[in-house]
């Protein structure tokens, strides 16, 4: 059974908050809070797939909350939908400038909000699946914004620089990034749907695919260069990940040239 996505609703209007939560709880796990400060505190201890926030709130409005989320590397991947009674083009532009992924005017149809949520979550899943299953996909393609893309490019660079280091692991990666192991694990998992170890393995296989397209190396040479115990082990991993063997992938690249 597919797990429900976790949503965070932020609004100081309790009646509206309860109305939205009641409408969404059949399809998602929903948590609520009344202002941006409380929302940021929740983000420190909980993982959310999407955030819906009103704009006009005391203490911290939705614009600032969205900006704080998008500027924090630990949370910047989370899609944010802003709700507002303002219907001017200027307010929409402002919301997008603060990093909002969608902007919905009040009053709104619950069905329209549902459609926006579904679209954002499905699009992210499609991008992740394409990256995981395509040998030549670029890792930054799964980044939802510039901050995430830069983070993923850094991760890719670190892994590629340590492909021949048998002692390289998640703890070492966390040290290099000056992040805690739990924060790094959560960030990588939410952005890519992979664990850090799975991402390391996938990066090694993607490097192998790149080398196969260059047509300069034999399969056993690539296996040795990338630290696999044998060409058989390498071929088995490649086939399991991408659905075709290294030799089949190599032949497909020759056919395209």
Protein backbone atom coordinates (compact mmCIF):
# COMPACT_ATOMS: atom_id res chain seq x y z
CA UNK A 1 0.00 0.00 0.00
CA UNK A 2 1.39 3.39 -0.99
CA UNK A 3 2.31 5.60 1.97
CA UNK A 4 0.45 8.87 2.30
CA UNK A 5 2.42 12.08 1.80
CA UNK A 6 2.97 14.29 4.85
CA UNK A 7 1.55 17.81 4.57
CA UNK A 8 2.00 20.81 6.85
CA UNK A 9 -0.76 23.45 6.92
CA UNK A 10 0.05 26.90 8.30
CA UNK A 11 -2.71 29.46 8.95
CA UNK A 12 -3.72 31.66 11.89
CA UNK A 13 -7.39 31.36 10.92
CA UNK A 14 -8.36 28.28 12.93
CA UNK A 15 -11.67 27.63 11.20
CA UNK A 16 -10.12 27.68 7.73
CA UNK A 17 -7.20 25.58 8.96
CA UNK A 18 -9.56 22.90 10.25
CA UNK A 19 -11.62 23.02 7.05
CA UNK A 20 -8.59 22.44 4.82
CA UNK A 21 -7.18 19.76 7.11
CA UNK A 22 -10.49 17.91 7.22
CA UNK A 23 -10.72 17.97 3.42
CA UNK A 24 -7.16 16.67 2.92
CA UNK A 25 -6.81 14.13 5.73
CA UNK A 26 -8.49 11.37 3.71
CA UNK A 27 -5.61 11.45 1.21
CA UNK A 28 -2.63 12.73 3.24
CA UNK A 29 -1.13 12.79 6.71
CA UNK A 30 -1.84 16.37 7.80
CA UNK A 31 -0.31 18.47 10.57
CA UNK A 32 -1.37 22.02 11.36
CA UNK A 33 0.15 25.06 13.01
CA UNK A 34 -0.92 28.68 13.41
CA UNK A 35 2.16 30.66 12.38
CA UNK A 36 5.46 30.59 10.56
CA UNK A 37 7.65 30.39 13.65
CA UNK A 38 5.89 27.24 14.86
CA UNK A 39 6.15 25.80 11.34
CA UNK A 40 9.94 26.24 11.29
CA UNK A 41 10.17 24.57 14.71
CA UNK A 42 8.20 21.59 13.39
CA UNK A 43 10.53 21.31 10.39
CA UNK A 44 13.46 20.75 12.74
CA UNK A 45 11.99 17.48 14.00
CA UNK A 46 9.57 16.27 11.32
CA UNK A 47 9.71 15.50 7.60
CA UNK A 48 7.12 16.96 5.25
CA UNK A 49 6.49 16.39 1.54
CA UNK A 50 4.64 19.67 0.96
CA UNK A 51 3.71 22.85 2.87
CA UNK A 52 0.57 24.96 2.44
CA UNK A 53 0.72 28.38 4.09
CA UNK A 54 -1.43 31.46 4.34
CA UNK A 55 0.41 34.71 3.62
CA UNK A 56 -1.14 37.11 6.13
CA UNK A 57 -0.14 35.83 9.59
CA UNK A 58 1.19 37.44 12.79
CA UNK A 59 4.83 37.05 13.94
CA UNK A 60 6.00 35.63 10.59
CA UNK A 61 4.02 35.89 7.37
CA UNK A 62 3.89 33.34 4.60
CA UNK A 63 6.40 35.18 2.42
CA UNK A 64 9.08 35.08 5.10
CA UNK A 65 8.27 31.47 5.98
CA UNK A 66 8.62 30.48 2.33
CA UNK A 67 11.89 32.37 2.01
CA UNK A 68 13.30 30.77 5.18
CA UNK A 69 12.35 27.30 3.91
CA UNK A 70 13.89 27.84 0.48
CA UNK A 71 17.11 29.30 1.91
CA UNK A 72 17.70 26.35 4.28
CA UNK A 73 19.46 23.46 2.55
CA UNK A 74 17.71 20.97 4.85
CA UNK A 75 14.22 22.07 3.73
CA UNK A 76 14.61 23.81 0.36
CA UNK A 77 13.36 20.77 -1.57
CA UNK A 78 9.88 20.97 0.02
CA UNK A 79 7.23 22.40 -2.35
CA UNK A 80 5.37 25.40 -0.88
CA UNK A 81 1.85 26.51 -1.83
CA UNK A 82 0.91 30.02 -0.69
CA UNK A 83 -2.71 30.99 -0.01
CA UNK A 84 -3.81 34.61 -0.13
CA UNK A 85 -6.83 36.89 -0.34
CA UNK A 86 -4.79 39.29 -2.49
CA UNK A 87 -5.47 38.89 -6.19
CA UNK A 88 -3.05 41.43 -7.66
CA UNK A 89 -0.39 40.38 -10.13
CA UNK A 90 2.19 42.09 -7.87
CA UNK A 91 1.37 39.79 -4.94
CA UNK A 92 1.65 36.72 -7.20
CA UNK A 93 5.02 37.86 -8.47
CA UNK A 94 6.16 38.50 -4.90
CA UNK A 95 5.13 35.00 -3.87
CA UNK A 96 7.10 33.46 -6.72
CA UNK A 97 10.12 35.64 -5.94
CA UNK A 98 10.15 34.24 -2.40
CA UNK A 99 10.31 30.74 -3.91
CA UNK A 100 6.69 29.58 -3.80
CA UNK A 101 5.92 26.63 -6.06
CA UNK A 102 2.24 27.55 -6.43
CA UNK A 103 0.03 30.49 -5.51
CA UNK A 104 -3.71 30.08 -4.82
CA UNK A 105 -6.19 32.91 -4.29
CA UNK A 106 -8.91 32.81 -1.65
CA UNK A 107 -11.66 31.81 -1.86
CA UNK A 108 -10.54 28.65 -3.62
CA UNK A 109 -12.08 25.34 -4.55
CA UNK A 110 -10.88 22.43 -2.38
CA UNK A 111 -10.75 20.37 -5.58
CA UNK A 112 -8.37 22.94 -7.12
CA UNK A 113 -6.08 22.79 -4.06
CA UNK A 114 -6.13 18.98 -4.27
CA UNK A 115 -5.19 19.18 -7.95
CA UNK A 116 -2.25 21.50 -7.21
CA UNK A 117 -0.95 19.21 -4.46
CA UNK A 118 -1.27 16.12 -6.67
CA UNK A 119 0.47 17.86 -9.58
CA UNK A 120 3.44 19.02 -7.49
CA UNK A 121 3.95 15.62 -5.83
CA UNK A 122 3.51 13.64 -9.07
CA UNK A 123 5.90 15.84 -11.02
CA UNK A 124 8.60 15.41 -8.39
CA UNK A 125 8.10 11.64 -8.43
CA UNK A 126 8.37 11.51 -12.23
CA UNK A 127 11.64 13.44 -12.18
CA UNK A 128 13.09 11.19 -9.46
CA UNK A 129 12.10 8.01 -11.33
CA UNK A 130 13.62 9.30 -14.58
CA UNK A 131 16.91 10.01 -12.79
CA UNK A 132 17.01 6.63 -11.04
CA UNK A 133 16.28 4.62 -14.22
CA UNK A 134 18.19 6.62 -16.84
CA UNK A 135 21.95 5.84 -16.93
CA UNK A 136 22.85 9.23 -18.42
CA UNK A 137 20.52 11.51 -16.41
CA UNK A 138 22.23 14.40 -14.64
CA UNK A 139 21.83 14.48 -10.87
CA UNK A 140 20.94 18.19 -10.79
CA UNK A 141 17.84 17.38 -12.85
CA UNK A 142 16.05 16.24 -9.69
CA UNK A 143 16.72 19.53 -7.89
CA UNK A 144 13.51 21.52 -7.49
CA UNK A 145 15.37 24.85 -7.24
CA UNK A 146 18.85 26.32 -7.56
CA UNK A 147 19.74 25.59 -3.94
CA UNK A 148 18.91 21.90 -4.35
CA UNK A 149 20.71 21.71 -7.69
CA UNK A 150 23.88 23.16 -6.16
CA UNK A 151 23.63 20.73 -3.23
CA UNK A 152 23.22 17.74 -5.56
CA UNK A 153 26.09 18.86 -7.78
CA UNK A 154 28.29 19.08 -4.66
CA UNK A 155 27.19 15.58 -3.59
CA UNK A 156 27.98 14.26 -7.07
CA UNK A 157 31.42 15.88 -7.05
CA UNK A 158 32.27 14.45 -3.63
CA UNK A 159 31.19 10.92 -4.58
CA UNK A 160 33.04 11.01 -7.92
CA UNK A 161 36.21 12.18 -6.16
CA UNK A 162 36.05 9.15 -3.84
CA UNK A 163 34.94 6.37 -6.17
CA UNK A 164 38.22 4.51 -5.73
CA UNK A 165 38.28 4.98 -1.93
CA UNK A 166 36.98 1.79 -0.26
CA UNK A 167 36.69 3.62 3.08
CA UNK A 168 34.42 6.34 1.73
CA UNK A 169 31.00 6.24 3.40
CA UNK A 170 28.08 8.39 4.55
CA UNK A 171 29.93 9.63 7.65
CA UNK A 172 32.81 10.85 5.52
CA UNK A 173 30.40 12.61 3.16
CA UNK A 174 28.66 14.30 6.09
CA UNK A 175 32.02 15.49 7.45
CA UNK A 176 33.00 17.00 4.09
CA UNK A 177 29.64 18.81 3.87
CA UNK A 178 29.74 19.88 7.54
CA UNK A 179 26.28 18.36 8.04
CA UNK A 180 25.04 15.91 10.64
CA UNK A 181 24.53 12.35 9.42
CA UNK A 182 20.74 12.41 10.10
CA UNK A 183 20.31 15.73 8.27
CA UNK A 184 22.31 14.49 5.27
CA UNK A 185 20.40 11.20 5.19
CA UNK A 186 17.02 12.95 5.34
CA UNK A 187 17.97 15.52 2.70
CA UNK A 188 19.26 12.96 0.20
CA UNK A 189 16.33 10.62 0.80
CA UNK A 190 13.66 13.28 0.31
CA UNK A 191 15.31 14.84 -2.75
CA UNK A 192 16.17 11.58 -4.54
CA UNK A 193 14.11 8.84 -2.81
CA UNK A 194 17.44 7.09 -2.22
CA UNK A 195 19.55 6.48 0.85
CA UNK A 196 23.07 8.00 0.75
CA UNK A 197 24.56 4.52 0.16
CA UNK A 198 22.14 3.91 -2.71
CA UNK A 199 23.06 7.29 -4.20
CA UNK A 200 26.77 6.43 -3.94
CA UNK A 201 26.12 3.16 -5.78
CA UNK A 202 23.98 4.87 -8.42
CA UNK A 203 26.64 7.55 -8.97
CA UNK A 204 29.23 4.81 -9.52
CA UNK A 205 26.94 3.11 -12.06
CA UNK A 206 26.22 6.41 -13.83
CA UNK A 207 29.96 6.99 -14.10
CA UNK A 208 30.25 3.51 -15.59
CA UNK A 209 27.55 4.39 -18.15
CA UNK A 210 29.43 7.55 -19.06
CA UNK A 211 32.62 5.53 -19.57
CA UNK A 212 30.74 3.02 -21.71
CA UNK A 213 29.54 5.82 -24.01
CA UNK A 214 33.17 6.94 -24.50
CA UNK A 215 33.98 3.51 -25.97
CA UNK A 216 37.55 3.71 -24.62
CA UNK A 217 37.31 1.03 -21.93
CA UNK A 218 36.44 -2.63 -21.79
CA UNK A 219 33.85 -3.71 -19.24
CA UNK A 220 36.38 -5.39 -16.95
CA UNK A 221 38.54 -2.23 -17.06
CA UNK A 222 35.58 -0.06 -15.97
CA UNK A 223 34.82 -2.56 -13.21
CA UNK A 224 38.39 -2.31 -11.90
CA UNK A 225 38.59 1.48 -12.19
CA UNK A 226 35.36 1.94 -10.22
CA UNK A 227 36.29 -0.42 -7.41
CA UNK A 228 34.01 -3.39 -8.07
CA UNK A 229 35.19 -6.77 -6.79
CA UNK A 230 34.66 -8.34 -10.22
CA UNK A 231 33.23 -7.64 -13.67
CA UNK A 232 30.40 -10.04 -12.82
CA UNK A 233 29.48 -8.05 -9.71
CA UNK A 234 29.57 -4.82 -11.72
CA UNK A 235 27.43 -6.26 -14.53
CA UNK A 236 24.87 -7.63 -12.07
CA UNK A 237 24.52 -4.22 -10.37
CA UNK A 238 24.24 -2.39 -13.68
CA UNK A 239 21.55 -4.76 -14.96
CA UNK A 240 19.57 -4.52 -11.73
CA UNK A 241 19.62 -0.71 -11.77
CA UNK A 242 19.01 0.07 -15.43
CA UNK A 243 17.35 -3.06 -16.82
CA UNK A 244 20.10 -3.92 -19.31
CA UNK A 245 23.63 -5.26 -19.07
CA UNK A 246 26.73 -3.09 -19.60
CA UNK A 247 27.34 -4.81 -22.95
CA UNK A 248 23.73 -4.18 -24.05
CA UNK A 249 24.01 -0.53 -23.03
CA UNK A 250 27.35 -0.27 -24.85
CA UNK A 251 25.81 -1.72 -28.02
CA UNK A 252 22.85 0.66 -27.78
CA UNK A 253 25.24 3.60 -27.68
CA UNK A 254 27.12 2.32 -30.72
CA UNK A 255 23.82 2.02 -32.57
CA UNK A 256 23.01 5.67 -31.81
CA UNK A 257 26.37 6.95 -33.10
